[in-house]
């Protein structure tokens, strides 16, 4: 059985080393996105090294074209069917459109495509849309779950058990809208998939410029504290919660 390692780059962006492959999730590796600013160290160059990229949905903070263009042109990308037109500039021939229920053998791992409960459109100024996705990845006798942005779902119980769950537990303010999980929901999801280790993601990275000064309570609840609240919610549980420092490789 091979080792399993994780580097969290902030937001929903990670590199998971599994089965000899490096799998990148939703790479948003810039310091600014529209009105959002990164309040953490910039990702290191190795954030752009991968054997496979997974895109959970078409929102700008998950399908970020400038970041995707910095990956090698031979790196395959699995993305929601319907978003192909957005990805032409990064090399459409390496993009594999997928839907919930698909199973793909790629880069030495097996990817099972899952459904998610979240808006799948690109945004208000385009009709481009596709399903929101999650993924289970298996390789080298190890497994991880990356649900993308989603609410709690009953079918999460059918995903596990998994060695690692990457659990989205926050947002970028000023509210946590439908289609997301808070720390308590995230803990319930980690239990549902029977994760051995759960790492909270999608929190503590991006925040609107200036909003901290005028919405301090929201910043504290949605930006500063979600990670520790997630850990507290799993205390004494069969799931081990790990707070991964941004940019540091964690061997699991």
C-alpha atoms as a PDB file:
ATOM      1  CA  UNK A   1       0.000   0.000   0.000  1.00  0.00           C
ATOM      2  CA  UNK A   2       1.417   3.354  -1.036  1.00  0.00           C
ATOM      3  CA  UNK A   3       1.551   6.473   1.098  1.00  0.00           C
ATOM      4  CA  UNK A   4      -1.062   9.210   0.938  1.00  0.00           C
ATOM      5  CA  UNK A   5      -0.084  12.879   1.212  1.00  0.00           C
ATOM      6  CA  UNK A   6      -1.905  16.195   1.000  1.00  0.00           C
ATOM      7  CA  UNK A   7      -0.972  19.804   0.400  1.00  0.00           C
ATOM      8  CA  UNK A   8      -3.753  22.341   0.886  1.00  0.00           C
ATOM      9  CA  UNK A   9      -3.154  25.528  -1.115  1.00  0.00           C
ATOM     10  CA  UNK A  10      -6.179  27.353   0.294  1.00  0.00           C
ATOM     11  CA  UNK A  11      -9.846  27.510  -0.659  1.00  0.00           C
ATOM     12  CA  UNK A  12     -10.743  24.212  -2.428  1.00  0.00           C
ATOM     13  CA  UNK A  13      -7.295  23.848  -4.016  1.00  0.00           C
ATOM     14  CA  UNK A  14      -5.244  20.837  -2.969  1.00  0.00           C
ATOM     15  CA  UNK A  15      -2.665  18.419  -4.296  1.00  0.00           C
ATOM     16  CA  UNK A  16      -3.233  14.842  -3.163  1.00  0.00           C
ATOM     17  CA  UNK A  17      -0.470  12.304  -3.752  1.00  0.00           C
ATOM     18  CA  UNK A  18      -2.128   8.925  -4.198  1.00  0.00           C
ATOM     19  CA  UNK A  19      -1.090   5.762  -6.000  1.00  0.00           C
ATOM     20  CA  UNK A  20       1.986   7.482  -7.395  1.00  0.00           C
ATOM     21  CA  UNK A  21      -0.122  10.252  -8.956  1.00  0.00           C
ATOM     22  CA  UNK A  22      -0.498  13.914  -8.001  1.00  0.00           C
ATOM     23  CA  UNK A  23      -4.151  14.935  -8.186  1.00  0.00           C
ATOM     24  CA  UNK A  24      -5.007  18.649  -8.082  1.00  0.00           C
ATOM     25  CA  UNK A  25      -8.474  19.792  -7.036  1.00  0.00           C
ATOM     26  CA  UNK A  26     -10.131  23.045  -8.143  1.00  0.00           C
ATOM     27  CA  UNK A  27      -6.887  25.013  -8.526  1.00  0.00           C
ATOM     28  CA  UNK A  28      -7.361  28.679  -7.649  1.00  0.00           C
ATOM     29  CA  UNK A  29      -3.737  29.657  -7.195  1.00  0.00           C
ATOM     30  CA  UNK A  30      -3.756  33.418  -7.658  1.00  0.00           C
ATOM     31  CA  UNK A  31      -3.674  36.103  -4.966  1.00  0.00           C
ATOM     32  CA  UNK A  32      -6.700  37.990  -6.292  1.00  0.00           C
ATOM     33  CA  UNK A  33      -9.999  37.019  -7.875  1.00  0.00           C
ATOM     34  CA  UNK A  34     -12.308  39.863  -8.802  1.00  0.00           C
ATOM     35  CA  UNK A  35     -13.082  41.563  -5.440  1.00  0.00           C
ATOM     36  CA  UNK A  36     -11.504  38.781  -3.382  1.00  0.00           C
ATOM     37  CA  UNK A  37      -8.018  38.862  -1.884  1.00  0.00           C
ATOM     38  CA  UNK A  38      -5.940  35.934  -0.623  1.00  0.00           C
ATOM     39  CA  UNK A  39      -5.125  36.344   3.076  1.00  0.00           C
ATOM     40  CA  UNK A  40      -2.452  33.640   3.155  1.00  0.00           C
ATOM     41  CA  UNK A  41       0.906  32.929   1.555  1.00  0.00           C
ATOM     42  CA  UNK A  42       0.950  32.591  -2.232  1.00  0.00           C
ATOM     43  CA  UNK A  43       1.085  28.965  -3.426  1.00  0.00           C
ATOM     44  CA  UNK A  44       4.526  27.560  -4.219  1.00  0.00           C
ATOM     45  CA  UNK A  45       5.546  26.586  -7.744  1.00  0.00           C
ATOM     46  CA  UNK A  46       4.879  22.908  -7.043  1.00  0.00           C
ATOM     47  CA  UNK A  47       1.167  23.742  -6.778  1.00  0.00           C
ATOM     48  CA  UNK A  48       1.199  23.671 -10.597  1.00  0.00           C
ATOM     49  CA  UNK A  49       2.710  20.179 -10.762  1.00  0.00           C
ATOM     50  CA  UNK A  50       0.077  17.475 -11.248  1.00  0.00           C
ATOM     51  CA  UNK A  51      -0.766  14.345 -13.180  1.00  0.00           C
ATOM     52  CA  UNK A  52      -4.512  15.015 -13.098  1.00  0.00           C
ATOM     53  CA  UNK A  53      -6.780  17.991 -12.370  1.00  0.00           C
ATOM     54  CA  UNK A  54     -10.331  17.661 -11.038  1.00  0.00           C
ATOM     55  CA  UNK A  55     -12.843  20.491 -11.481  1.00  0.00           C
ATOM     56  CA  UNK A  56     -15.968  20.239  -9.347  1.00  0.00           C
ATOM     57  CA  UNK A  57     -18.060  23.003 -10.928  1.00  0.00           C
ATOM     58  CA  UNK A  58     -17.881  26.025 -13.199  1.00  0.00           C
ATOM     59  CA  UNK A  59     -17.820  28.937 -10.738  1.00  0.00           C
ATOM     60  CA  UNK A  60     -14.840  31.268 -11.149  1.00  0.00           C
ATOM     61  CA  UNK A  61     -13.346  30.303  -7.785  1.00  0.00           C
ATOM     62  CA  UNK A  62     -13.282  26.615  -8.779  1.00  0.00           C
ATOM     63  CA  UNK A  63     -12.715  26.680 -12.522  1.00  0.00           C
ATOM     64  CA  UNK A  64     -10.032  29.390 -12.651  1.00  0.00           C
ATOM     65  CA  UNK A  65      -8.649  29.634 -16.159  1.00  0.00           C
ATOM     66  CA  UNK A  66      -5.418  31.562 -15.364  1.00  0.00           C
ATOM     67  CA  UNK A  67      -4.435  28.866 -12.867  1.00  0.00           C
ATOM     68  CA  UNK A  68      -5.293  26.012 -15.233  1.00  0.00           C
ATOM     69  CA  UNK A  69      -3.142  27.517 -17.994  1.00  0.00           C
ATOM     70  CA  UNK A  70      -0.064  27.138 -15.787  1.00  0.00           C
ATOM     71  CA  UNK A  71      -0.326  23.356 -15.609  1.00  0.00           C
ATOM     72  CA  UNK A  72       1.467  21.211 -18.174  1.00  0.00           C
ATOM     73  CA  UNK A  73      -0.399  20.979 -21.474  1.00  0.00           C
ATOM     74  CA  UNK A  74      -0.411  17.191 -21.234  1.00  0.00           C
ATOM     75  CA  UNK A  75      -2.145  17.069 -17.829  1.00  0.00           C
ATOM     76  CA  UNK A  76      -5.702  15.688 -18.205  1.00  0.00           C
ATOM     77  CA  UNK A  77      -8.596  17.667 -16.721  1.00  0.00           C
ATOM     78  CA  UNK A  78     -11.901  16.143 -15.613  1.00  0.00           C
ATOM     79  CA  UNK A  79     -14.624  18.790 -15.620  1.00  0.00           C
ATOM     80  CA  UNK A  80     -18.435  18.951 -15.641  1.00  0.00           C
ATOM     81  CA  UNK A  81     -20.021  18.213 -18.999  1.00  0.00           C
ATOM     82  CA  UNK A  82     -21.347  21.491 -20.364  1.00  0.00           C
ATOM     83  CA  UNK A  83     -18.263  23.521 -19.529  1.00  0.00           C
ATOM     84  CA  UNK A  84     -16.157  22.491 -22.527  1.00  0.00           C
ATOM     85  CA  UNK A  85     -16.392  25.906 -24.185  1.00  0.00           C
ATOM     86  CA  UNK A  86     -14.784  27.538 -21.152  1.00  0.00           C
ATOM     87  CA  UNK A  87     -11.767  25.251 -21.335  1.00  0.00           C
ATOM     88  CA  UNK A  88     -10.763  25.616 -24.974  1.00  0.00           C
ATOM     89  CA  UNK A  89      -8.017  28.062 -24.078  1.00  0.00           C
ATOM     90  CA  UNK A  90      -6.322  25.541 -21.779  1.00  0.00           C
ATOM     91  CA  UNK A  91      -6.293  22.796 -24.411  1.00  0.00           C
ATOM     92  CA  UNK A  92      -9.685  21.284 -25.081  1.00  0.00           C
ATOM     93  CA  UNK A  93      -8.185  18.016 -26.293  1.00  0.00           C
ATOM     94  CA  UNK A  94      -7.068  17.144 -22.743  1.00  0.00           C
ATOM     95  CA  UNK A  95     -10.424  17.972 -21.148  1.00  0.00           C
ATOM     96  CA  UNK A  96     -12.666  15.032 -20.367  1.00  0.00           C
ATOM     97  CA  UNK A  97     -16.265  16.079 -19.678  1.00  0.00           C
ATOM     98  CA  UNK A  98     -17.885  13.918 -16.999  1.00  0.00           C
ATOM     99  CA  UNK A  99     -21.239  13.426 -15.312  1.00  0.00           C
ATOM    100  CA  UNK A 100     -22.315  11.886 -11.999  1.00  0.00           C
ATOM    101  CA  UNK A 101     -22.067   8.108 -12.232  1.00  0.00           C
ATOM    102  CA  UNK A 102     -19.053   8.084 -14.556  1.00  0.00           C
ATOM    103  CA  UNK A 103     -15.989   6.055 -13.610  1.00  0.00           C
ATOM    104  CA  UNK A 104     -12.715   7.051 -15.246  1.00  0.00           C
ATOM    105  CA  UNK A 105      -9.316   5.339 -15.257  1.00  0.00           C
ATOM    106  CA  UNK A 106      -6.741   8.098 -15.726  1.00  0.00           C
ATOM    107  CA  UNK A 107      -3.194   8.922 -14.562  1.00  0.00           C
ATOM    108  CA  UNK A 108      -2.952   5.606 -12.722  1.00  0.00           C
ATOM    109  CA  UNK A 109      -5.989   6.209 -10.483  1.00  0.00           C
ATOM    110  CA  UNK A 110      -9.707   5.435 -10.639  1.00  0.00           C
ATOM    111  CA  UNK A 111     -12.046   8.409 -10.372  1.00  0.00           C
ATOM    112  CA  UNK A 112     -15.699   7.905  -9.502  1.00  0.00           C
ATOM    113  CA  UNK A 113     -17.782  10.976 -10.346  1.00  0.00           C
ATOM    114  CA  UNK A 114     -20.428  11.902  -7.782  1.00  0.00           C
ATOM    115  CA  UNK A 115     -23.385  14.255  -7.614  1.00  0.00           C
ATOM    116  CA  UNK A 116     -23.312  17.450  -5.561  1.00  0.00           C
ATOM    117  CA  UNK A 117     -26.009  19.858  -4.414  1.00  0.00           C
ATOM    118  CA  UNK A 118     -24.839  23.241  -5.669  1.00  0.00           C
ATOM    119  CA  UNK A 119     -25.500  25.698  -8.489  1.00  0.00           C
ATOM    120  CA  UNK A 120     -23.607  24.495 -11.552  1.00  0.00           C
ATOM    121  CA  UNK A 121     -23.763  27.624 -13.721  1.00  0.00           C
ATOM    122  CA  UNK A 122     -20.726  29.713 -14.616  1.00  0.00           C
ATOM    123  CA  UNK A 123     -22.350  32.920 -13.431  1.00  0.00           C
ATOM    124  CA  UNK A 124     -25.042  35.502 -14.107  1.00  0.00           C
ATOM    125  CA  UNK A 125     -23.521  36.805 -17.358  1.00  0.00           C
ATOM    126  CA  UNK A 126     -23.385  33.512 -19.264  1.00  0.00           C
ATOM    127  CA  UNK A 127     -25.675  30.586 -19.985  1.00  0.00           C
ATOM    128  CA  UNK A 128     -22.842  28.074 -19.724  1.00  0.00           C
ATOM    129  CA  UNK A 129     -23.825  25.501 -17.136  1.00  0.00           C
ATOM    130  CA  UNK A 130     -23.074  21.971 -16.030  1.00  0.00           C
ATOM    131  CA  UNK A 131     -23.697  19.695 -13.076  1.00  0.00           C
ATOM    132  CA  UNK A 132     -21.897  20.316  -9.805  1.00  0.00           C
ATOM    133  CA  UNK A 133     -19.710  17.305  -9.062  1.00  0.00           C
ATOM    134  CA  UNK A 134     -17.836  15.504  -6.344  1.00  0.00           C
ATOM    135  CA  UNK A 135     -15.192  12.824  -6.747  1.00  0.00           C
ATOM    136  CA  UNK A 136     -13.914   9.683  -5.074  1.00  0.00           C
ATOM    137  CA  UNK A 137     -10.367   8.777  -6.130  1.00  0.00           C
ATOM    138  CA  UNK A 138      -8.739   5.371  -5.585  1.00  0.00           C
ATOM    139  CA  UNK A 139      -5.124   4.409  -6.237  1.00  0.00           C
ATOM    140  CA  UNK A 140      -2.383   2.314  -4.684  1.00  0.00           C
ATOM    141  CA  UNK A 141      -4.769   0.854  -2.138  1.00  0.00           C
ATOM    142  CA  UNK A 142      -5.695   4.316  -0.796  1.00  0.00           C
ATOM    143  CA  UNK A 143      -8.690   6.584  -1.374  1.00  0.00           C
ATOM    144  CA  UNK A 144      -9.868  10.159  -0.942  1.00  0.00           C
ATOM    145  CA  UNK A 145     -13.140  12.030  -1.281  1.00  0.00           C
ATOM    146  CA  UNK A 146     -13.471  15.537  -2.656  1.00  0.00           C
ATOM    147  CA  UNK A 147     -17.157  16.528  -2.700  1.00  0.00           C
ATOM    148  CA  UNK A 148     -16.762  19.968  -4.282  1.00  0.00           C
ATOM    149  CA  UNK A 149     -19.207  22.570  -3.016  1.00  0.00           C
ATOM    150  CA  UNK A 150     -22.317  20.810  -1.777  1.00  0.00           C
ATOM    151  CA  UNK A 151     -24.905  20.535   0.931  1.00  0.00           C
ATOM    152  CA  UNK A 152     -25.255  17.391   3.014  1.00  0.00           C
ATOM    153  CA  UNK A 153     -26.673  14.557   0.920  1.00  0.00           C
ATOM    154  CA  UNK A 154     -28.142  11.209   1.931  1.00  0.00           C
ATOM    155  CA  UNK A 155     -26.083   9.398  -0.716  1.00  0.00           C
ATOM    156  CA  UNK A 156     -22.815  10.419   0.954  1.00  0.00           C
ATOM    157  CA  UNK A 157     -23.214   7.253   3.027  1.00  0.00           C
ATOM    158  CA  UNK A 158     -22.644   5.251  -0.176  1.00  0.00           C
ATOM    159  CA  UNK A 159     -19.283   6.894  -0.937  1.00  0.00           C
ATOM    160  CA  UNK A 160     -17.079   5.477   1.815  1.00  0.00           C
ATOM    161  CA  UNK A 161     -15.203   4.303   3.590  1.00  0.00           C
ATOM    162  CA  UNK A 162     -12.302   6.513   2.512  1.00  0.00           C
ATOM    163  CA  UNK A 163      -8.843   7.181   3.893  1.00  0.00           C
ATOM    164  CA  UNK A 164      -9.108  10.954   3.436  1.00  0.00           C
ATOM    165  CA  UNK A 165     -12.033  13.368   3.189  1.00  0.00           C
ATOM    166  CA  UNK A 166     -11.458  16.917   1.945  1.00  0.00           C
ATOM    167  CA  UNK A 167     -14.431  18.672   3.500  1.00  0.00           C
ATOM    168  CA  UNK A 168     -15.575  22.175   2.418  1.00  0.00           C
ATOM    169  CA  UNK A 169     -16.806  24.024   5.517  1.00  0.00           C
ATOM    170  CA  UNK A 170     -16.915  27.736   4.697  1.00  0.00           C
ATOM    171  CA  UNK A 171     -16.871  30.317   1.963  1.00  0.00           C
ATOM    172  CA  UNK A 172     -15.617  33.802   1.186  1.00  0.00           C
ATOM    173  CA  UNK A 173     -18.360  35.851   2.856  1.00  0.00           C
ATOM    174  CA  UNK A 174     -20.412  37.730   3.748  1.00  0.00           C
ATOM    175  CA  UNK A 175     -22.881  34.806   4.118  1.00  0.00           C
ATOM    176  CA  UNK A 176     -22.802  31.050   3.629  1.00  0.00           C
ATOM    177  CA  UNK A 177     -25.443  30.477   0.984  1.00  0.00           C
ATOM    178  CA  UNK A 178     -27.355  27.332   0.047  1.00  0.00           C
ATOM    179  CA  UNK A 179     -25.182  24.722  -1.602  1.00  0.00           C
ATOM    180  CA  UNK A 180     -22.508  24.785   1.107  1.00  0.00           C
ATOM    181  CA  UNK A 181     -21.745  23.070   4.416  1.00  0.00           C
ATOM    182  CA  UNK A 182     -20.809  24.747   7.661  1.00  0.00           C
ATOM    183  CA  UNK A 183     -18.422  23.060  10.142  1.00  0.00           C
ATOM    184  CA  UNK A 184     -21.189  21.025  11.801  1.00  0.00           C
ATOM    185  CA  UNK A 185     -22.522  19.819   8.449  1.00  0.00           C
ATOM    186  CA  UNK A 186     -18.981  19.050   7.321  1.00  0.00           C
ATOM    187  CA  UNK A 187     -18.379  16.919  10.398  1.00  0.00           C
ATOM    188  CA  UNK A 188     -21.585  15.016   9.700  1.00  0.00           C
ATOM    189  CA  UNK A 189     -20.429  14.461   6.098  1.00  0.00           C
ATOM    190  CA  UNK A 190     -17.058  13.119   7.261  1.00  0.00           C
ATOM    191  CA  UNK A 191     -18.848  10.655   9.518  1.00  0.00           C
ATOM    192  CA  UNK A 192     -21.213   9.693   6.707  1.00  0.00           C
ATOM    193  CA  UNK A 193     -18.396   8.693   4.339  1.00  0.00           C
ATOM    194  CA  UNK A 194     -16.600   6.918   7.220  1.00  0.00           C
ATOM    195  CA  UNK A 195     -13.393   8.861   6.671  1.00  0.00           C
ATOM    196  CA  UNK A 196     -10.273   7.812   8.540  1.00  0.00           C
ATOM    197  CA  UNK A 197      -8.906  11.369   8.312  1.00  0.00           C
ATOM    198  CA  UNK A 198     -10.848  14.538   7.477  1.00  0.00           C
ATOM    199  CA  UNK A 199      -9.221  17.829   6.476  1.00  0.00           C
ATOM    200  CA  UNK A 200     -11.349  20.990   6.330  1.00  0.00           C
ATOM    201  CA  UNK A 201     -10.981  23.090   3.164  1.00  0.00           C
ATOM    202  CA  UNK A 202     -12.796  26.003   1.496  1.00  0.00           C
ATOM    203  CA  UNK A 203     -12.250  28.365   4.436  1.00  0.00           C
ATOM    204  CA  UNK A 204      -9.705  30.881   5.713  1.00  0.00           C
ATOM    205  CA  UNK A 205      -8.258  31.929   2.352  1.00  0.00           C
ATOM    206  CA  UNK A 206     -10.173  34.525   0.323  1.00  0.00           C
ATOM    207  CA  UNK A 207     -12.258  37.421   1.629  1.00  0.00           C
ATOM    208  CA  UNK A 208     -13.709  40.522  -0.039  1.00  0.00           C
ATOM    209  CA  UNK A 209     -11.454  43.557   0.186  1.00  0.00           C
ATOM    210  CA  UNK A 210     -12.624  45.874   2.986  1.00  0.00           C
ATOM    211  CA  UNK A 211     -15.411  43.624   4.255  1.00  0.00           C
ATOM    212  CA  UNK A 212     -13.535  42.593   7.395  1.00  0.00           C
ATOM    213  CA  UNK A 213     -13.778  46.121   8.782  1.00  0.00           C
ATOM    214  CA  UNK A 214     -17.521  46.439   8.313  1.00  0.00           C
ATOM    215  CA  UNK A 215     -18.595  42.824   9.022  1.00  0.00           C
ATOM    216  CA  UNK A 216     -16.289  41.603  11.772  1.00  0.00           C
ATOM    217  CA  UNK A 217     -18.719  39.034  13.165  1.00  0.00           C
ATOM    218  CA  UNK A 218     -19.202  37.452   9.734  1.00  0.00           C
ATOM    219  CA  UNK A 219     -15.444  37.395   9.178  1.00  0.00           C
ATOM    220  CA  UNK A 220     -14.928  35.644  12.510  1.00  0.00           C
ATOM    221  CA  UNK A 221     -17.672  33.070  11.869  1.00  0.00           C
ATOM    222  CA  UNK A 222     -17.040  32.341   8.185  1.00  0.00           C
ATOM    223  CA  UNK A 223     -13.311  32.996   7.767  1.00  0.00           C
ATOM    224  CA  UNK A 224     -11.368  32.696  11.038  1.00  0.00           C
ATOM    225  CA  UNK A 225     -13.023  29.958  13.100  1.00  0.00           C
ATOM    226  CA  UNK A 226     -14.511  27.269  10.777  1.00  0.00           C
ATOM    227  CA  UNK A 227     -11.452  25.008  10.896  1.00  0.00           C
ATOM    228  CA  UNK A 228     -11.302  24.761  14.671  1.00  0.00           C
ATOM    229  CA  UNK A 229     -15.076  24.391  14.920  1.00  0.00           C
ATOM    230  CA  UNK A 230     -14.846  21.456  12.496  1.00  0.00           C
ATOM    231  CA  UNK A 231     -12.141  19.840  14.632  1.00  0.00           C
ATOM    232  CA  UNK A 232     -14.194  20.411  17.785  1.00  0.00           C
ATOM    233  CA  UNK A 233     -17.266  18.842  16.169  1.00  0.00           C
ATOM    234  CA  UNK A 234     -15.314  15.632  15.514  1.00  0.00           C
ATOM    235  CA  UNK A 235     -13.589  15.432  18.896  1.00  0.00           C
ATOM    236  CA  UNK A 236     -13.865  11.914  20.301  1.00  0.00           C
ATOM    237  CA  UNK A 237     -15.252  10.581  17.015  1.00  0.00           C
ATOM    238  CA  UNK A 238     -13.910   7.732  14.890  1.00  0.00           C
ATOM    239  CA  UNK A 239     -12.868  10.341  12.312  1.00  0.00           C
ATOM    240  CA  UNK A 240      -9.522  12.053  12.922  1.00  0.00           C
ATOM    241  CA  UNK A 241      -9.753  15.749  12.048  1.00  0.00           C
ATOM    242  CA  UNK A 242      -6.523  17.380  10.858  1.00  0.00           C
ATOM    243  CA  UNK A 243      -5.996  21.117  10.362  1.00  0.00           C
ATOM    244  CA  UNK A 244      -3.590  21.248   7.421  1.00  0.00           C
ATOM    245  CA  UNK A 245      -1.439  24.401   7.300  1.00  0.00           C
ATOM    246  CA  UNK A 246      -1.730  26.063   3.913  1.00  0.00           C
ATOM    247  CA  UNK A 247       1.171  25.196   1.615  1.00  0.00           C
ATOM    248  CA  UNK A 248       2.639  22.459   3.820  1.00  0.00           C
ATOM    249  CA  UNK A 249       2.787  18.830   2.718  1.00  0.00           C
ATOM    250  CA  UNK A 250       1.072  16.533   5.217  1.00  0.00           C
ATOM    251  CA  UNK A 251       1.822  12.801   5.091  1.00  0.00           C
ATOM    252  CA  UNK A 252      -1.233  10.814   6.147  1.00  0.00           C
END
